[in-house]
Amino acid sequence: MSRPELIAPPEIYYGDTEAKKYTQNTRNQQIQADMTYRALELLNLPPDQPAFLLDIGCGSGLSGEILDEEGYIWAGVDIAPSMLEVALEREVEGDLFLQDIGQGFGFRPGSFDGAISISVLQWLLNAETSHPTSSPPHRLTRFFTTLFSALRNPSRAVLQFYPSSDDQIQLITSIAQKAGFGGGIVVDYPNSKKAKKVFLCLFVGRSENNQQVPKGLEGDGSEEVDAKAQFERRRERERARSKSKRKSVKDRDWILKKKELYRKRGKESVPNDSKYTGRKRRAVF
């Protein structure tokens, strides 16, 4: 089957039906989670420290859920309105922005402690029109220069993508380097046609962690079987804990946080705060 990026632009391909179909597919959920965990591993953030991350091409928030579980604060950008609508329906915790990353980012310099992207970069390699500003090199240049500015110094960005040729890898890495990034390509399971994954691991500034490009995982990818089983068990535990928390945690702070989140997202009819907010009701017999 043809790759989605060869069929139509992302905002068209991921319409209402496809956005919900993609999000509800358990295989997509698992693949997205596996690659997000791996991206965080390559990001190599200091343990037990809060970080503000950018999720590039956040879609319906599948990667964002992992960021939540790992304790990170995040913001996500995506070009497909239908994907963001699904994310809002699922009440993901991150701030969401409708953004064509090929036109660059508008964030203040040094806003983020790191960035991840899962299965997105290849969309920038397909020109939508013959106009010079729509060419892949122009869009990649805008993307990387503004991403470099949005990241603090030092930091990392880890971008997983599906290249169709070595020429595409060369084009992407050369433009990233011209934008100021260090780093390079990390390939997991290079000898496996099915399990092979390509990550662009980029460095901003110099630090002890930004001295050498990480090594890719070796083998044929058979190790993923145990990892996937472990992932399923963990996700079931997370869902169970999440459900129990939703039922039990109804204190004032929880309610105020939810109301503030709804207001930021423009939801109407959010009740005003008062001294009665979160007050326990007397049991009625």
C-alpha atoms as a PDB file:
ATOM      1  CA  MET A   1       0.000   0.000   0.000  1.00  0.00           C
ATOM      2  CA  SER A   2       1.099   3.581  -0.659  1.00  0.00           C
ATOM      3  CA  ARG A   3       2.403   5.636   2.217  1.00  0.00           C
ATOM      4  CA  PRO A   4      -0.217   8.175   3.444  1.00  0.00           C
ATOM      5  CA  GLU A   5       2.056  11.127   2.630  1.00  0.00           C
ATOM      6  CA  LEU A   6       2.010  10.052  -1.032  1.00  0.00           C
ATOM      7  CA  ILE A   7      -1.794  10.087  -1.195  1.00  0.00           C
ATOM      8  CA  ALA A   8      -2.777  13.547   0.055  1.00  0.00           C
ATOM      9  CA  PRO A   9      -1.606  16.395   2.330  1.00  0.00           C
ATOM     10  CA  PRO A  10      -2.022  15.516   6.041  1.00  0.00           C
ATOM     11  CA  GLU A  11      -4.843  17.982   6.730  1.00  0.00           C
ATOM     12  CA  ILE A  12      -6.832  16.328   3.915  1.00  0.00           C
ATOM     13  CA  TYR A  13      -5.814  12.709   4.462  1.00  0.00           C
ATOM     14  CA  TYR A  14      -6.648  12.867   8.168  1.00  0.00           C
ATOM     15  CA  GLY A  15     -10.244  13.985   7.903  1.00  0.00           C
ATOM     16  CA  ASP A  16     -12.853  13.212  10.551  1.00  0.00           C
ATOM     17  CA  THR A  17     -13.224   9.529   9.651  1.00  0.00           C
ATOM     18  CA  GLU A  18      -9.525   8.751   9.212  1.00  0.00           C
ATOM     19  CA  ALA A  19      -8.554  10.669  12.379  1.00  0.00           C
ATOM     20  CA  LYS A  20     -10.908   8.602  14.553  1.00  0.00           C
ATOM     21  CA  LYS A  21      -9.997   5.385  12.755  1.00  0.00           C
ATOM     22  CA  TYR A  22      -6.272   5.994  13.294  1.00  0.00           C
ATOM     23  CA  THR A  23      -6.713   6.852  16.981  1.00  0.00           C
ATOM     24  CA  GLN A  24      -8.897   3.856  17.801  1.00  0.00           C
ATOM     25  CA  ASN A  25      -6.615   1.333  16.091  1.00  0.00           C
ATOM     26  CA  THR A  26      -4.841  -0.609  18.848  1.00  0.00           C
ATOM     27  CA  ARG A  27      -1.881  -1.396  16.604  1.00  0.00           C
ATOM     28  CA  ASN A  28      -1.355   2.300  15.911  1.00  0.00           C
ATOM     29  CA  GLN A  29      -1.594   3.015  19.628  1.00  0.00           C
ATOM     30  CA  GLN A  30       1.061   0.421  20.400  1.00  0.00           C
ATOM     31  CA  ILE A  31       3.461   1.516  17.641  1.00  0.00           C
ATOM     32  CA  GLN A  32       3.059   5.155  18.629  1.00  0.00           C
ATOM     33  CA  ALA A  33       3.749   4.327  22.268  1.00  0.00           C
ATOM     34  CA  ASP A  34       6.812   2.188  21.481  1.00  0.00           C
ATOM     35  CA  MET A  35       8.384   4.923  19.363  1.00  0.00           C
ATOM     36  CA  THR A  36       7.545   7.629  21.892  1.00  0.00           C
ATOM     37  CA  TYR A  37       9.256   5.683  24.683  1.00  0.00           C
ATOM     38  CA  ARG A  38      12.278   5.218  22.432  1.00  0.00           C
ATOM     39  CA  ALA A  39      12.305   8.927  21.509  1.00  0.00           C
ATOM     40  CA  LEU A  40      12.274   9.851  25.201  1.00  0.00           C
ATOM     41  CA  GLU A  41      15.143   7.445  25.798  1.00  0.00           C
ATOM     42  CA  LEU A  42      17.157   9.160  23.057  1.00  0.00           C
ATOM     43  CA  LEU A  43      16.142  12.576  24.387  1.00  0.00           C
ATOM     44  CA  ASN A  44      18.047  11.620  27.550  1.00  0.00           C
ATOM     45  CA  LEU A  45      16.487  14.211  29.851  1.00  0.00           C
ATOM     46  CA  PRO A  46      17.742  14.524  33.439  1.00  0.00           C
ATOM     47  CA  PRO A  47      15.766  12.159  35.685  1.00  0.00           C
ATOM     48  CA  ASP A  48      13.256  13.491  38.204  1.00  0.00           C
ATOM     49  CA  GLN A  49      13.306  17.014  36.781  1.00  0.00           C
ATOM     50  CA  PRO A  50      10.291  18.764  35.246  1.00  0.00           C
ATOM     51  CA  ALA A  51      10.559  19.511  31.532  1.00  0.00           C
ATOM     52  CA  PHE A  52       8.422  21.313  28.971  1.00  0.00           C
ATOM     53  CA  LEU A  53       8.402  19.367  25.701  1.00  0.00           C
ATOM     54  CA  LEU A  54       7.145  20.084  22.187  1.00  0.00           C
ATOM     55  CA  ASP A  55       5.275  17.247  20.430  1.00  0.00           C
ATOM     56  CA  ILE A  56       5.585  17.965  16.700  1.00  0.00           C
ATOM     57  CA  GLY A  57       2.703  16.471  14.755  1.00  0.00           C
ATOM     58  CA  CYS A  58       0.913  15.532  17.960  1.00  0.00           C
ATOM     59  CA  GLY A  59      -2.194  14.306  16.130  1.00  0.00           C
ATOM     60  CA  SER A  60      -4.865  13.029  18.493  1.00  0.00           C
ATOM     61  CA  GLY A  61      -2.516  12.927  21.480  1.00  0.00           C
ATOM     62  CA  LEU A  62      -1.315   9.314  21.472  1.00  0.00           C
ATOM     63  CA  SER A  63       2.271  10.418  22.102  1.00  0.00           C
ATOM     64  CA  GLY A  64       1.065  13.076  24.519  1.00  0.00           C
ATOM     65  CA  GLU A  65      -0.481  10.391  26.722  1.00  0.00           C
ATOM     66  CA  ILE A  66       2.961   8.832  27.135  1.00  0.00           C
ATOM     67  CA  LEU A  67       4.450  12.227  27.986  1.00  0.00           C
ATOM     68  CA  ASP A  68       1.752  12.637  30.637  1.00  0.00           C
ATOM     69  CA  GLU A  69       2.518   9.209  32.105  1.00  0.00           C
ATOM     70  CA  GLU A  70       6.215  10.046  32.249  1.00  0.00           C
ATOM     71  CA  GLY A  71       5.512  13.282  34.127  1.00  0.00           C
ATOM     72  CA  TYR A  72       6.270  15.872  31.432  1.00  0.00           C
ATOM     73  CA  ILE A  73       4.401  19.064  30.592  1.00  0.00           C
ATOM     74  CA  TRP A  74       3.922  19.411  26.850  1.00  0.00           C
ATOM     75  CA  ALA A  75       2.467  21.378  23.982  1.00  0.00           C
ATOM     76  CA  GLY A  76       1.540  19.848  20.654  1.00  0.00           C
ATOM     77  CA  VAL A  77       1.256  21.180  17.104  1.00  0.00           C
ATOM     78  CA  ASP A  78      -0.521  19.563  14.162  1.00  0.00           C
ATOM     79  CA  ILE A  79      -1.828  20.658  10.773  1.00  0.00           C
ATOM     80  CA  ALA A  80      -4.903  18.401  10.737  1.00  0.00           C
ATOM     81  CA  PRO A  81      -7.934  20.020  12.436  1.00  0.00           C
ATOM     82  CA  SER A  82      -9.730  16.679  12.690  1.00  0.00           C
ATOM     83  CA  MET A  83      -6.836  15.141  14.603  1.00  0.00           C
ATOM     84  CA  LEU A  84      -6.826  18.021  17.079  1.00  0.00           C
ATOM     85  CA  GLU A  85     -10.606  17.702  17.485  1.00  0.00           C
ATOM     86  CA  VAL A  86     -10.150  14.075  18.485  1.00  0.00           C
ATOM     87  CA  ALA A  87      -7.431  15.145  20.927  1.00  0.00           C
ATOM     88  CA  LEU A  88      -9.818  17.655  22.505  1.00  0.00           C
ATOM     89  CA  GLU A  89     -12.544  15.024  22.769  1.00  0.00           C
ATOM     90  CA  ARG A  90     -10.072  12.748  24.541  1.00  0.00           C
ATOM     91  CA  GLU A  91      -9.187  15.605  26.928  1.00  0.00           C
ATOM     92  CA  VAL A  92      -5.424  15.295  26.586  1.00  0.00           C
ATOM     93  CA  GLU A  93      -3.441  17.427  29.020  1.00  0.00           C
ATOM     94  CA  GLY A  94      -1.174  19.290  26.577  1.00  0.00           C
ATOM     95  CA  ASP A  95      -1.816  22.678  24.981  1.00  0.00           C
ATOM     96  CA  LEU A  96      -2.706  22.207  21.315  1.00  0.00           C
ATOM     97  CA  PHE A  97      -1.871  24.418  18.322  1.00  0.00           C
ATOM     98  CA  LEU A  98      -3.088  24.205  14.727  1.00  0.00           C
ATOM     99  CA  GLN A  99       0.153  24.740  12.819  1.00  0.00           C
ATOM    100  CA  ASP A 100       1.753  23.968   9.462  1.00  0.00           C
ATOM    101  CA  ILE A 101       5.270  23.070  10.587  1.00  0.00           C
ATOM    102  CA  GLY A 102       6.519  23.672   7.046  1.00  0.00           C
ATOM    103  CA  GLN A 103       5.835  27.366   7.646  1.00  0.00           C
ATOM    104  CA  GLY A 104       7.856  27.323  10.850  1.00  0.00           C
ATOM    105  CA  PHE A 105       7.053  27.833  14.537  1.00  0.00           C
ATOM    106  CA  GLY A 106       6.153  31.072  16.280  1.00  0.00           C
ATOM    107  CA  PHE A 107       7.276  30.187  19.802  1.00  0.00           C
ATOM    108  CA  ARG A 108       9.555  32.429  21.835  1.00  0.00           C
ATOM    109  CA  PRO A 109      13.254  31.519  21.732  1.00  0.00           C
ATOM    110  CA  GLY A 110      14.244  28.884  24.280  1.00  0.00           C
ATOM    111  CA  SER A 111      10.656  27.922  25.139  1.00  0.00           C
ATOM    112  CA  PHE A 112      11.143  24.152  25.246  1.00  0.00           C
ATOM    113  CA  ASP A 113      13.448  21.766  27.092  1.00  0.00           C
ATOM    114  CA  GLY A 114      13.230  19.269  24.243  1.00  0.00           C
ATOM    115  CA  ALA A 115      11.115  18.095  21.313  1.00  0.00           C
ATOM    116  CA  ILE A 116       9.899  14.804  19.910  1.00  0.00           C
ATOM    117  CA  SER A 117       8.166  13.908  16.674  1.00  0.00           C
ATOM    118  CA  ILE A 118       6.743  10.556  15.607  1.00  0.00           C
ATOM    119  CA  SER A 119       6.161   9.743  11.915  1.00  0.00           C
ATOM    120  CA  VAL A 120       5.975  13.350  10.726  1.00  0.00           C
ATOM    121  CA  LEU A 121       9.102  14.560   8.895  1.00  0.00           C
ATOM    122  CA  GLN A 122       8.348  12.578   5.730  1.00  0.00           C
ATOM    123  CA  TRP A 123       5.269  14.752   5.143  1.00  0.00           C
ATOM    124  CA  LEU A 124       7.566  17.735   4.536  1.00  0.00           C
ATOM    125  CA  LEU A 125       9.299  15.915   1.680  1.00  0.00           C
ATOM    126  CA  ASN A 126       6.354  16.180  -0.688  1.00  0.00           C
ATOM    127  CA  ALA A 127       5.767  19.505  -2.475  1.00  0.00           C
ATOM    128  CA  GLU A 128       2.079  20.434  -2.653  1.00  0.00           C
ATOM    129  CA  THR A 129       2.455  23.065  -5.400  1.00  0.00           C
ATOM    130  CA  SER A 130       5.089  24.281  -7.836  1.00  0.00           C
ATOM    131  CA  HIS A 131       5.605  27.490  -5.847  1.00  0.00           C
ATOM    132  CA  PRO A 132       9.191  27.842  -4.533  1.00  0.00           C
ATOM    133  CA  THR A 133       8.026  28.313  -0.931  1.00  0.00           C
ATOM    134  CA  SER A 134       6.276  24.938  -1.099  1.00  0.00           C
ATOM    135  CA  SER A 135       9.393  23.018  -2.102  1.00  0.00           C
ATOM    136  CA  PRO A 136      10.712  20.445   0.409  1.00  0.00           C
ATOM    137  CA  PRO A 137      14.046  22.284   0.947  1.00  0.00           C
ATOM    138  CA  HIS A 138      12.262  25.560   1.713  1.00  0.00           C
ATOM    139  CA  ARG A 139       9.781  23.942   4.111  1.00  0.00           C
ATOM    140  CA  LEU A 140      12.509  21.920   5.844  1.00  0.00           C
ATOM    141  CA  THR A 141      14.611  25.067   6.252  1.00  0.00           C
ATOM    142  CA  ARG A 142      11.734  26.964   7.871  1.00  0.00           C
ATOM    143  CA  PHE A 143      11.004  23.984  10.085  1.00  0.00           C
ATOM    144  CA  PHE A 144      14.541  23.451  11.366  1.00  0.00           C
ATOM    145  CA  THR A 145      15.526  27.115  11.794  1.00  0.00           C
ATOM    146  CA  THR A 146      12.453  27.946  13.873  1.00  0.00           C
ATOM    147  CA  LEU A 147      12.687  24.684  15.840  1.00  0.00           C
ATOM    148  CA  PHE A 148      16.313  25.482  16.690  1.00  0.00           C
ATOM    149  CA  SER A 149      15.200  28.873  18.018  1.00  0.00           C
ATOM    150  CA  ALA A 150      12.345  27.406  20.069  1.00  0.00           C
ATOM    151  CA  LEU A 151      14.645  25.018  21.977  1.00  0.00           C
ATOM    152  CA  ARG A 152      16.723  26.073  24.963  1.00  0.00           C
ATOM    153  CA  ASN A 153      20.498  25.718  24.970  1.00  0.00           C
ATOM    154  CA  PRO A 154      21.502  22.961  25.616  1.00  0.00           C
ATOM    155  CA  SER A 155      18.760  20.520  24.643  1.00  0.00           C
ATOM    156  CA  ARG A 156      17.799  17.803  22.178  1.00  0.00           C
ATOM    157  CA  ALA A 157      15.142  17.033  19.580  1.00  0.00           C
ATOM    158  CA  VAL A 158      14.379  13.449  18.530  1.00  0.00           C
ATOM    159  CA  LEU A 159      12.417  13.047  15.302  1.00  0.00           C
ATOM    160  CA  GLN A 160      11.343   9.601  14.104  1.00  0.00           C
ATOM    161  CA  PHE A 161      10.423   9.414  10.422  1.00  0.00           C
ATOM    162  CA  TYR A 162      10.079   7.104   7.426  1.00  0.00           C
ATOM    163  CA  PRO A 163      12.527   8.029   4.664  1.00  0.00           C
ATOM    164  CA  SER A 164      12.047   6.464   1.242  1.00  0.00           C
ATOM    165  CA  SER A 165      15.692   6.832   0.215  1.00  0.00           C
ATOM    166  CA  ASP A 166      19.170   7.742   1.426  1.00  0.00           C
ATOM    167  CA  ASP A 167      18.878  10.979  -0.547  1.00  0.00           C
ATOM    168  CA  GLN A 168      15.990  12.062   1.668  1.00  0.00           C
ATOM    169  CA  ILE A 169      18.051  11.341   4.789  1.00  0.00           C
ATOM    170  CA  GLN A 170      20.935  13.359   3.365  1.00  0.00           C
ATOM    171  CA  LEU A 171      18.639  16.286   2.501  1.00  0.00           C
ATOM    172  CA  ILE A 172      17.096  16.373   5.982  1.00  0.00           C
ATOM    173  CA  THR A 173      20.360  16.083   7.909  1.00  0.00           C
ATOM    174  CA  SER A 174      22.168  18.688   5.788  1.00  0.00           C
ATOM    175  CA  ILE A 175      19.396  21.272   6.257  1.00  0.00           C
ATOM    176  CA  ALA A 176      19.247  20.546  10.006  1.00  0.00           C
ATOM    177  CA  GLN A 177      22.990  21.118  10.282  1.00  0.00           C
ATOM    178  CA  LYS A 178      22.745  24.388   8.348  1.00  0.00           C
ATOM    179  CA  ALA A 179      20.091  25.516  10.855  1.00  0.00           C
ATOM    180  CA  GLY A 180      22.641  25.081  13.666  1.00  0.00           C
ATOM    181  CA  PHE A 181      21.914  21.585  14.969  1.00  0.00           C
ATOM    182  CA  GLY A 182      24.490  18.970  15.849  1.00  0.00           C
ATOM    183  CA  GLY A 183      23.777  15.262  16.055  1.00  0.00           C
ATOM    184  CA  GLY A 184      22.794  12.783  13.372  1.00  0.00           C
ATOM    185  CA  ILE A 185      20.852   9.667  12.412  1.00  0.00           C
ATOM    186  CA  VAL A 186      20.146   6.767  14.787  1.00  0.00           C
ATOM    187  CA  VAL A 187      18.919   3.536  13.191  1.00  0.00           C
ATOM    188  CA  ASP A 188      17.337   0.814  15.312  1.00  0.00           C
ATOM    189  CA  TYR A 189      17.428  -2.774  13.997  1.00  0.00           C
ATOM    190  CA  PRO A 190      19.145  -1.818  10.709  1.00  0.00           C
ATOM    191  CA  ASN A 191      19.136  -5.417   9.422  1.00  0.00           C
ATOM    192  CA  SER A 192      15.415  -5.936   9.881  1.00  0.00           C
ATOM    193  CA  LYS A 193      13.062  -4.811   7.144  1.00  0.00           C
ATOM    194  CA  LYS A 194      10.050  -4.882   9.468  1.00  0.00           C
ATOM    195  CA  ALA A 195      11.481  -3.578  12.746  1.00  0.00           C
ATOM    196  CA  LYS A 196      13.898  -0.972  11.335  1.00  0.00           C
ATOM    197  CA  LYS A 197      13.285   2.545  12.663  1.00  0.00           C
ATOM    198  CA  VAL A 198      15.048   5.789  11.774  1.00  0.00           C
ATOM    199  CA  PHE A 199      15.466   8.627  14.296  1.00  0.00           C
ATOM    200  CA  LEU A 200      17.046  12.027  13.739  1.00  0.00           C
ATOM    201  CA  CYS A 201      18.707  12.909  17.056  1.00  0.00           C
ATOM    202  CA  LEU A 202      19.554  16.629  17.071  1.00  0.00           C
ATOM    203  CA  PHE A 203      21.608  18.633  19.580  1.00  0.00           C
ATOM    204  CA  VAL A 204      21.286  22.304  20.477  1.00  0.00           C
ATOM    205  CA  GLY A 205      24.472  23.626  22.052  1.00  0.00           C
ATOM    206  CA  ARG A 206      27.196  21.647  23.746  1.00  0.00           C
ATOM    207  CA  SER A 207      26.803  19.711  26.961  1.00  0.00           C
ATOM    208  CA  GLU A 208      28.072  16.488  28.478  1.00  0.00           C
ATOM    209  CA  ASN A 209      25.092  14.651  26.964  1.00  0.00           C
ATOM    210  CA  ASN A 210      25.452  16.276  23.536  1.00  0.00           C
ATOM    211  CA  GLN A 211      28.903  14.997  22.656  1.00  0.00           C
ATOM    212  CA  GLN A 212      28.092  11.853  20.699  1.00  0.00           C
ATOM    213  CA  VAL A 213      25.166  10.524  18.676  1.00  0.00           C
ATOM    214  CA  PRO A 214      23.545   7.590  20.539  1.00  0.00           C
ATOM    215  CA  LYS A 215      23.898   4.082  19.116  1.00  0.00           C
ATOM    216  CA  GLY A 216      20.929   2.368  17.525  1.00  0.00           C
ATOM    217  CA  LEU A 217      19.505  -0.891  18.829  1.00  0.00           C
ATOM    218  CA  GLU A 218      20.976  -4.038  17.290  1.00  0.00           C
ATOM    219  CA  GLY A 219      19.409  -7.368  16.413  1.00  0.00           C
ATOM    220  CA  ASP A 220      16.431  -8.304  14.277  1.00  0.00           C
ATOM    221  CA  GLY A 221      13.755  -6.656  16.398  1.00  0.00           C
ATOM    222  CA  SER A 222      12.561  -9.883  18.009  1.00  0.00           C
ATOM    223  CA  GLU A 223      13.183  -8.241  21.364  1.00  0.00           C
ATOM    224  CA  GLU A 224      10.143  -6.082  20.664  1.00  0.00           C
ATOM    225  CA  VAL A 225       7.810  -9.013  21.311  1.00  0.00           C
ATOM    226  CA  ASP A 226       8.528  -9.002  25.045  1.00  0.00           C
ATOM    227  CA  ALA A 227       8.472  -5.206  25.083  1.00  0.00           C
ATOM    228  CA  LYS A 228       5.032  -5.150  23.479  1.00  0.00           C
ATOM    229  CA  ALA A 229       3.645  -7.655  25.983  1.00  0.00           C
ATOM    230  CA  GLN A 230       5.111  -5.564  28.782  1.00  0.00           C
ATOM    231  CA  PHE A 231       3.591  -2.459  27.206  1.00  0.00           C
ATOM    232  CA  GLU A 232       0.126  -4.023  27.132  1.00  0.00           C
ATOM    233  CA  ARG A 233       0.332  -5.035  30.780  1.00  0.00           C
ATOM    234  CA  ARG A 234       1.551  -1.596  31.760  1.00  0.00           C
ATOM    235  CA  ARG A 235      -1.177   0.152  29.798  1.00  0.00           C
ATOM    236  CA  GLU A 236      -3.837  -1.971  31.495  1.00  0.00           C
ATOM    237  CA  ARG A 237      -2.427  -1.012  34.886  1.00  0.00           C
ATOM    238  CA  GLU A 238      -2.317   2.649  33.879  1.00  0.00           C
ATOM    239  CA  ARG A 239      -5.931   2.551  32.704  1.00  0.00           C
ATOM    240  CA  ALA A 240      -7.026   0.896  35.939  1.00  0.00           C
ATOM    241  CA  ARG A 241      -5.173   3.477  38.035  1.00  0.00           C
ATOM    242  CA  SER A 242      -6.500   6.305  35.901  1.00  0.00           C
ATOM    243  CA  LYS A 243     -10.092   5.129  36.306  1.00  0.00           C
ATOM    244  CA  SER A 244      -9.734   4.777  40.065  1.00  0.00           C
ATOM    245  CA  LYS A 245      -8.169   8.231  40.312  1.00  0.00           C
ATOM    246  CA  ARG A 246     -10.952   9.793  38.279  1.00  0.00           C
ATOM    247  CA  LYS A 247     -13.499   8.271  40.642  1.00  0.00           C
ATOM    248  CA  SER A 248     -11.759   9.160  43.882  1.00  0.00           C
ATOM    249  CA  VAL A 249      -9.897  12.418  43.199  1.00  0.00           C
ATOM    250  CA  LYS A 250     -12.567  15.107  43.284  1.00  0.00           C
ATOM    251  CA  ASP A 251     -11.028  17.626  45.647  1.00  0.00           C
ATOM    252  CA  ARG A 252     -10.977  21.388  45.134  1.00  0.00           C
ATOM    253  CA  ASP A 253      -7.549  21.507  43.460  1.00  0.00           C
ATOM    254  CA  TRP A 254      -8.541  18.823  40.950  1.00  0.00           C
ATOM    255  CA  ILE A 255     -11.768  20.646  40.063  1.00  0.00           C
ATOM    256  CA  LEU A 256     -10.045  24.028  39.685  1.00  0.00           C
ATOM    257  CA  LYS A 257      -7.390  22.512  37.448  1.00  0.00           C
ATOM    258  CA  LYS A 258     -10.008  20.930  35.196  1.00  0.00           C
ATOM    259  CA  LYS A 259     -12.035  24.130  34.971  1.00  0.00           C
ATOM    260  CA  GLU A 260      -8.944  26.168  34.075  1.00  0.00           C
ATOM    261  CA  LEU A 261      -8.053  23.614  31.381  1.00  0.00           C
ATOM    262  CA  TYR A 262     -11.545  23.894  29.901  1.00  0.00           C
ATOM    263  CA  ARG A 263     -11.369  27.701  29.890  1.00  0.00           C
ATOM    264  CA  LYS A 264      -8.025  27.685  28.075  1.00  0.00           C
ATOM    265  CA  ARG A 265      -9.540  25.492  25.399  1.00  0.00           C
ATOM    266  CA  GLY A 266     -12.432  27.864  24.900  1.00  0.00           C
ATOM    267  CA  LYS A 267     -15.166  25.641  26.301  1.00  0.00           C
ATOM    268  CA  GLU A 268     -18.353  27.469  27.125  1.00  0.00           C
ATOM    269  CA  SER A 269     -20.492  27.252  30.252  1.00  0.00           C
ATOM    270  CA  VAL A 270     -17.640  26.578  32.678  1.00  0.00           C
ATOM    271  CA  PRO A 271     -19.007  27.475  36.150  1.00  0.00           C
ATOM    272  CA  ASN A 272     -17.349  30.334  38.015  1.00  0.00           C
ATOM    273  CA  ASP A 273     -15.129  29.528  40.982  1.00  0.00           C
ATOM    274  CA  SER A 274     -16.535  30.192  44.445  1.00  0.00           C
ATOM    275  CA  LYS A 275     -16.068  29.233  48.073  1.00  0.00           C
ATOM    276  CA  TYR A 276     -18.402  26.311  47.409  1.00  0.00           C
ATOM    277  CA  THR A 277     -16.238  24.823  44.636  1.00  0.00           C
ATOM    278  CA  GLY A 278     -15.240  21.289  45.593  1.00  0.00           C
ATOM    279  CA  ARG A 279     -17.192  21.367  48.841  1.00  0.00           C
ATOM    280  CA  LYS A 280     -18.269  17.936  50.003  1.00  0.00           C
ATOM    281  CA  ARG A 281     -21.994  17.398  50.025  1.00  0.00           C
ATOM    282  CA  ARG A 282     -23.768  15.882  52.968  1.00  0.00           C
ATOM    283  CA  ALA A 283     -24.977  12.356  52.520  1.00  0.00           C
ATOM    284  CA  VAL A 284     -28.723  12.176  52.036  1.00  0.00           C
ATOM    285  CA  PHE A 285     -30.548   9.186  53.472  1.00  0.00           C
END
